[in-house]
């Protein structure tokens, strides 16, 4: 079993910054892709950012230029630096990890951390 624990959420004013962190632990051989998703009330869960083990990244168009995803392979952690936050960024943010445990791949999710941006 794998556990993902998020931290760093909170309440900030528009234009402010937050840094989210996620640590993976448990029966892990290696982690392929890690990333962050978010879900606002009444909306579908959407991809925010993801990063492969080799460092390739993808971002939602709405956060490009403002958010940066990074990871530490040795520590099995992934961070999300969020700058120039907007009220529309308000959501529950979930950590995600795709774990390699051959012959299969497994998806894991954290419990979520709340980010609220006031205008």
Protein backbone atom coordinates (compact mmCIF):
# COMPACT_ATOMS: atom_id res chain seq x y z
CA UNK A 1 0.00 0.00 0.00
CA UNK A 2 1.07 3.58 -0.70
CA UNK A 3 0.11 6.69 1.25
CA UNK A 4 0.23 10.28 -0.01
CA UNK A 5 0.18 13.12 2.53
CA UNK A 6 -0.35 16.72 1.42
CA UNK A 7 0.46 19.91 3.30
CA UNK A 8 0.67 23.65 2.70
CA UNK A 9 -2.90 24.61 1.90
CA UNK A 10 -4.52 27.66 3.43
CA UNK A 11 -6.21 31.01 2.96
CA UNK A 12 -4.47 33.78 1.01
CA UNK A 13 -5.40 37.04 -0.67
CA UNK A 14 -5.44 37.40 -4.44
CA UNK A 15 -1.93 37.93 -5.75
CA UNK A 16 -0.36 35.94 -2.93
CA UNK A 17 1.57 32.68 -2.97
CA UNK A 18 1.38 29.21 -1.46
CA UNK A 19 3.57 26.13 -1.70
CA UNK A 20 1.95 22.70 -1.53
CA UNK A 21 3.96 19.61 -0.65
CA UNK A 22 3.21 15.90 -0.94
CA UNK A 23 5.18 12.97 0.46
CA UNK A 24 4.71 9.37 -0.65
CA UNK A 25 5.45 6.39 1.57
CA UNK A 26 4.80 2.65 1.64
CA UNK A 27 5.49 -0.24 -0.71
CA UNK A 28 7.08 1.68 -3.57
CA UNK A 29 9.53 0.40 -6.13
CA UNK A 30 9.61 3.69 -8.01
CA UNK A 31 7.21 6.47 -8.98
CA UNK A 32 6.60 7.27 -12.61
CA UNK A 33 4.46 10.41 -12.79
CA UNK A 34 3.49 12.63 -9.85
CA UNK A 35 1.23 15.63 -9.93
CA UNK A 36 -1.58 17.76 -8.63
CA UNK A 37 -5.28 17.87 -9.44
CA UNK A 38 -7.95 20.18 -8.06
CA UNK A 39 -11.71 20.22 -7.68
CA UNK A 40 -13.87 23.26 -7.00
CA UNK A 41 -17.47 22.96 -5.72
CA UNK A 42 -19.81 21.93 -8.52
CA UNK A 43 -16.98 21.25 -10.97
CA UNK A 44 -15.10 18.21 -12.25
CA UNK A 45 -11.67 17.32 -10.94
CA UNK A 46 -9.03 18.71 -13.30
CA UNK A 47 -5.31 18.33 -13.84
CA UNK A 48 -3.25 21.24 -12.54
CA UNK A 49 0.31 20.04 -13.12
CA UNK A 50 2.26 16.81 -13.45
CA UNK A 51 5.90 15.80 -13.67
CA UNK A 52 7.59 12.60 -14.80
CA UNK A 53 10.53 10.96 -13.07
CA UNK A 54 12.84 12.46 -15.71
CA UNK A 55 11.47 15.95 -15.11
CA UNK A 56 9.08 16.53 -18.02
CA UNK A 57 6.14 18.72 -16.98
CA UNK A 58 2.61 19.53 -18.10
CA UNK A 59 0.38 22.34 -16.87
CA UNK A 60 -3.21 23.36 -17.27
CA UNK A 61 -3.49 26.44 -19.48
CA UNK A 62 -5.07 28.38 -16.63
CA UNK A 63 -1.97 28.07 -14.41
CA UNK A 64 0.89 28.31 -16.92
CA UNK A 65 3.35 31.00 -15.92
CA UNK A 66 2.04 31.12 -12.35
CA UNK A 67 2.50 27.59 -10.97
CA UNK A 68 5.63 25.43 -10.90
CA UNK A 69 5.71 21.70 -10.13
CA UNK A 70 8.90 20.02 -8.91
CA UNK A 71 9.92 16.71 -7.34
CA UNK A 72 12.65 15.02 -5.36
CA UNK A 73 13.02 11.43 -6.55
CA UNK A 74 15.20 10.44 -3.60
CA UNK A 75 12.58 11.61 -1.09
CA UNK A 76 9.49 10.61 -3.12
CA UNK A 77 8.03 14.10 -2.79
CA UNK A 78 6.36 16.53 -5.17
CA UNK A 79 5.75 20.25 -4.61
CA UNK A 80 3.56 22.86 -6.25
CA UNK A 81 4.65 26.48 -6.02
CA UNK A 82 1.64 28.71 -6.66
CA UNK A 83 2.21 32.40 -7.36
CA UNK A 84 -0.11 35.24 -8.37
CA UNK A 85 -3.07 33.34 -7.00
CA UNK A 86 -6.56 34.21 -8.21
CA UNK A 87 -9.97 33.59 -6.62
CA UNK A 88 -10.69 31.05 -9.36
CA UNK A 89 -7.80 28.95 -8.02
CA UNK A 90 -9.90 28.18 -4.94
CA UNK A 91 -10.34 24.40 -4.76
CA UNK A 92 -9.44 21.21 -2.98
CA UNK A 93 -6.02 20.18 -4.27
CA UNK A 94 -5.14 16.47 -4.53
CA UNK A 95 -1.72 14.89 -4.81
CA UNK A 96 -1.39 12.06 -7.34
CA UNK A 97 1.23 9.39 -7.94
CA UNK A 98 1.54 6.62 -10.50
CA UNK A 99 3.57 3.88 -8.82
CA UNK A 100 5.63 1.28 -10.66
CA UNK A 101 5.38 -2.12 -9.00
CA UNK A 102 5.92 -4.56 -11.85
CA UNK A 103 4.24 -6.17 -13.62
CA UNK A 104 1.59 -3.51 -12.99
CA UNK A 105 1.19 0.25 -12.49
CA UNK A 106 -0.96 1.73 -9.73
CA UNK A 107 -2.59 5.12 -9.19
CA UNK A 108 -2.75 6.68 -5.70
CA UNK A 109 -4.41 9.82 -4.37
CA UNK A 110 -4.00 11.96 -1.29
CA UNK A 111 -6.86 13.17 0.89
CA UNK A 112 -6.64 16.71 -0.47
CA UNK A 113 -5.68 20.09 0.96
CA UNK A 114 -7.89 23.18 0.74
CA UNK A 115 -6.68 26.33 -1.02
CA UNK A 116 -8.86 29.42 -0.67
CA UNK A 117 -8.04 32.70 -2.41
CA UNK A 118 -9.95 35.80 -1.34
CA UNK A 119 -10.52 38.83 -3.55
